[in-house]
């Protein structure tokens, strides 16, 4: 197979706290033969939609994971396990990304519980609201 026929990621943009858009070439819609998956900081998006051969929208419902350093998103296509051909493993093709496709996503804490007083026994609640914090914590 000609290498030019594989998907390539040429750019990525964070649209909002939950949505990232990948642009590139040869993006394929989900099929019985393969399913696309987008990872950022090793955490898979909950929803991946191939909107065209050049655009994919990835949504993390708990927020895009925060990263400390500029990180490239990863696009993978998974072929399902195939007992029919006696090959029980799931195969993955990782689409290459240009070295310039690096994104930053930092934590933004809008507020935290103030004037918190706790006893030694505990029993108090502490809240840190931050989009993306849940996503990174539940997957680590």
Protein backbone atom coordinates (compact mmCIF):
# COMPACT_ATOMS: atom_id res chain seq x y z
CA UNK A 1 0.00 0.00 0.00
CA UNK A 2 1.30 3.43 -0.94
CA UNK A 3 2.28 5.47 2.13
CA UNK A 4 0.39 8.51 0.74
CA UNK A 5 -2.90 6.64 1.20
CA UNK A 6 -2.54 6.53 4.99
CA UNK A 7 -4.03 9.25 7.18
CA UNK A 8 -1.78 12.10 8.27
CA UNK A 9 -2.44 14.76 10.90
CA UNK A 10 -1.24 18.19 9.74
CA UNK A 11 -2.83 20.44 12.39
CA UNK A 12 -4.83 20.34 15.60
CA UNK A 13 -6.90 23.00 17.32
CA UNK A 14 -8.55 23.10 20.72
CA UNK A 15 -12.00 24.55 20.05
CA UNK A 16 -13.29 24.62 23.64
CA UNK A 17 -12.70 22.82 26.95
CA UNK A 18 -14.06 19.54 25.55
CA UNK A 19 -13.47 19.63 21.78
CA UNK A 20 -10.37 19.24 19.62
CA UNK A 21 -10.35 19.35 15.82
CA UNK A 22 -7.70 17.47 13.84
CA UNK A 23 -7.06 18.40 10.23
CA UNK A 24 -5.07 16.39 7.75
CA UNK A 25 -5.44 14.00 4.87
CA UNK A 26 -7.16 10.69 4.12
CA UNK A 27 -9.29 10.48 7.26
CA UNK A 28 -11.61 7.50 7.02
CA UNK A 29 -15.06 7.20 8.55
CA UNK A 30 -15.67 4.35 11.01
CA UNK A 31 -16.48 1.05 9.34
CA UNK A 32 -16.43 -2.66 10.04
CA UNK A 33 -12.81 -2.63 8.90
CA UNK A 34 -11.54 0.13 11.21
CA UNK A 35 -12.53 2.53 13.98
CA UNK A 36 -10.73 5.85 14.59
CA UNK A 37 -9.55 6.78 18.09
CA UNK A 38 -8.01 10.09 19.19
CA UNK A 39 -5.73 10.20 22.23
CA UNK A 40 -4.31 13.19 24.03
CA UNK A 41 -1.93 12.62 26.93
CA UNK A 42 -2.66 8.91 26.47
CA UNK A 43 -6.36 9.45 27.19
CA UNK A 44 -8.89 8.51 24.51
CA UNK A 45 -11.63 10.89 23.43
CA UNK A 46 -15.13 9.74 24.35
CA UNK A 47 -16.57 10.75 20.97
CA UNK A 48 -14.69 10.76 17.65
CA UNK A 49 -16.49 12.05 14.56
CA UNK A 50 -14.95 12.01 11.09
CA UNK A 51 -16.60 15.06 9.53
CA UNK A 52 -14.71 14.78 6.24
CA UNK A 53 -11.60 13.26 4.69
CA UNK A 54 -9.68 16.23 6.09
CA UNK A 55 -11.31 16.83 9.52
CA UNK A 56 -11.96 14.87 12.70
CA UNK A 57 -13.69 16.22 15.83
CA UNK A 58 -12.75 14.62 19.15
CA UNK A 59 -14.71 15.24 22.35
CA UNK A 60 -13.68 14.43 25.91
CA UNK A 61 -16.93 14.72 27.90
CA UNK A 62 -15.00 15.43 31.13
CA UNK A 63 -12.78 17.95 29.36
CA UNK A 64 -9.63 17.70 27.26
CA UNK A 65 -6.86 16.31 29.48
CA UNK A 66 -4.45 18.92 30.75
CA UNK A 67 -0.75 18.55 29.93
CA UNK A 68 2.33 20.22 31.38
CA UNK A 69 4.26 20.33 28.08
CA UNK A 70 3.25 20.76 24.46
CA UNK A 71 1.89 17.42 23.31
CA UNK A 72 0.79 16.00 19.95
CA UNK A 73 -2.61 14.34 19.72
CA UNK A 74 -2.55 10.77 18.41
CA UNK A 75 -4.92 9.44 15.75
CA UNK A 76 -5.20 5.68 15.53
CA UNK A 77 -7.35 3.36 13.47
CA UNK A 78 -8.21 0.04 15.06
CA UNK A 79 -9.13 -3.07 13.10
CA UNK A 80 -11.42 -5.35 15.08
CA UNK A 81 -10.36 -8.77 16.25
CA UNK A 82 -11.00 -11.30 13.52
CA UNK A 83 -11.55 -14.89 14.64
CA UNK A 84 -12.63 -15.68 11.06
CA UNK A 85 -9.02 -15.40 9.90
CA UNK A 86 -7.63 -16.85 13.15
CA UNK A 87 -6.18 -13.50 14.19
CA UNK A 88 -7.55 -12.63 17.63
CA UNK A 89 -5.55 -9.41 18.11
CA UNK A 90 -6.75 -5.89 17.50
CA UNK A 91 -4.48 -4.13 14.98
CA UNK A 92 -3.73 -0.40 15.18
CA UNK A 93 -2.43 2.02 12.59
CA UNK A 94 -1.15 5.28 14.07
CA UNK A 95 -1.43 8.24 11.73
CA UNK A 96 1.78 10.27 11.71
CA UNK A 97 1.56 13.87 12.89
CA UNK A 98 3.77 16.68 11.73
CA UNK A 99 6.29 17.75 14.36
CA UNK A 100 4.52 21.12 14.49
CA UNK A 101 1.23 19.57 15.70
CA UNK A 102 1.77 20.23 19.40
CA UNK A 103 -0.86 21.57 21.77
CA UNK A 104 -0.85 22.93 25.30
CA UNK A 105 -3.74 22.42 27.68
CA UNK A 106 -3.28 23.68 31.21
CA UNK A 107 -5.51 23.50 34.25
CA UNK A 108 -7.58 26.56 35.01
CA UNK A 109 -8.96 26.62 38.50
CA UNK A 110 -11.80 29.12 38.64
CA UNK A 111 -12.24 28.86 42.39
CA UNK A 112 -11.63 26.58 45.32
CA UNK A 113 -13.32 26.15 48.63
CA UNK A 114 -12.23 29.08 50.78
CA UNK A 115 -12.08 29.44 54.55
CA UNK A 116 -11.95 25.67 54.88
CA UNK A 117 -11.76 24.38 58.43
CA UNK A 118 -11.39 20.65 59.09
CA UNK A 119 -10.95 18.64 62.20
CA UNK A 120 -8.35 15.92 62.56
CA UNK A 121 -11.13 13.39 61.92
CA UNK A 122 -11.94 14.98 58.55
CA UNK A 123 -15.51 15.30 57.40
CA UNK A 124 -15.13 18.46 55.38
CA UNK A 125 -15.53 18.88 51.61
CA UNK A 126 -12.95 20.55 49.41
CA UNK A 127 -13.81 21.46 45.83
CA UNK A 128 -11.49 22.34 42.92
CA UNK A 129 -13.56 22.95 39.77
CA UNK A 130 -11.40 22.65 36.65
CA UNK A 131 -12.35 21.35 33.20
CA UNK A 132 -10.01 18.56 32.16
CA UNK A 133 -8.94 17.70 35.69
CA UNK A 134 -11.57 14.95 35.96
CA UNK A 135 -10.53 13.51 32.60
CA UNK A 136 -6.88 13.18 33.56
CA UNK A 137 -7.59 11.87 37.09
CA UNK A 138 -10.08 9.17 36.15
CA UNK A 139 -7.69 7.70 33.61
CA UNK A 140 -4.50 7.61 35.70
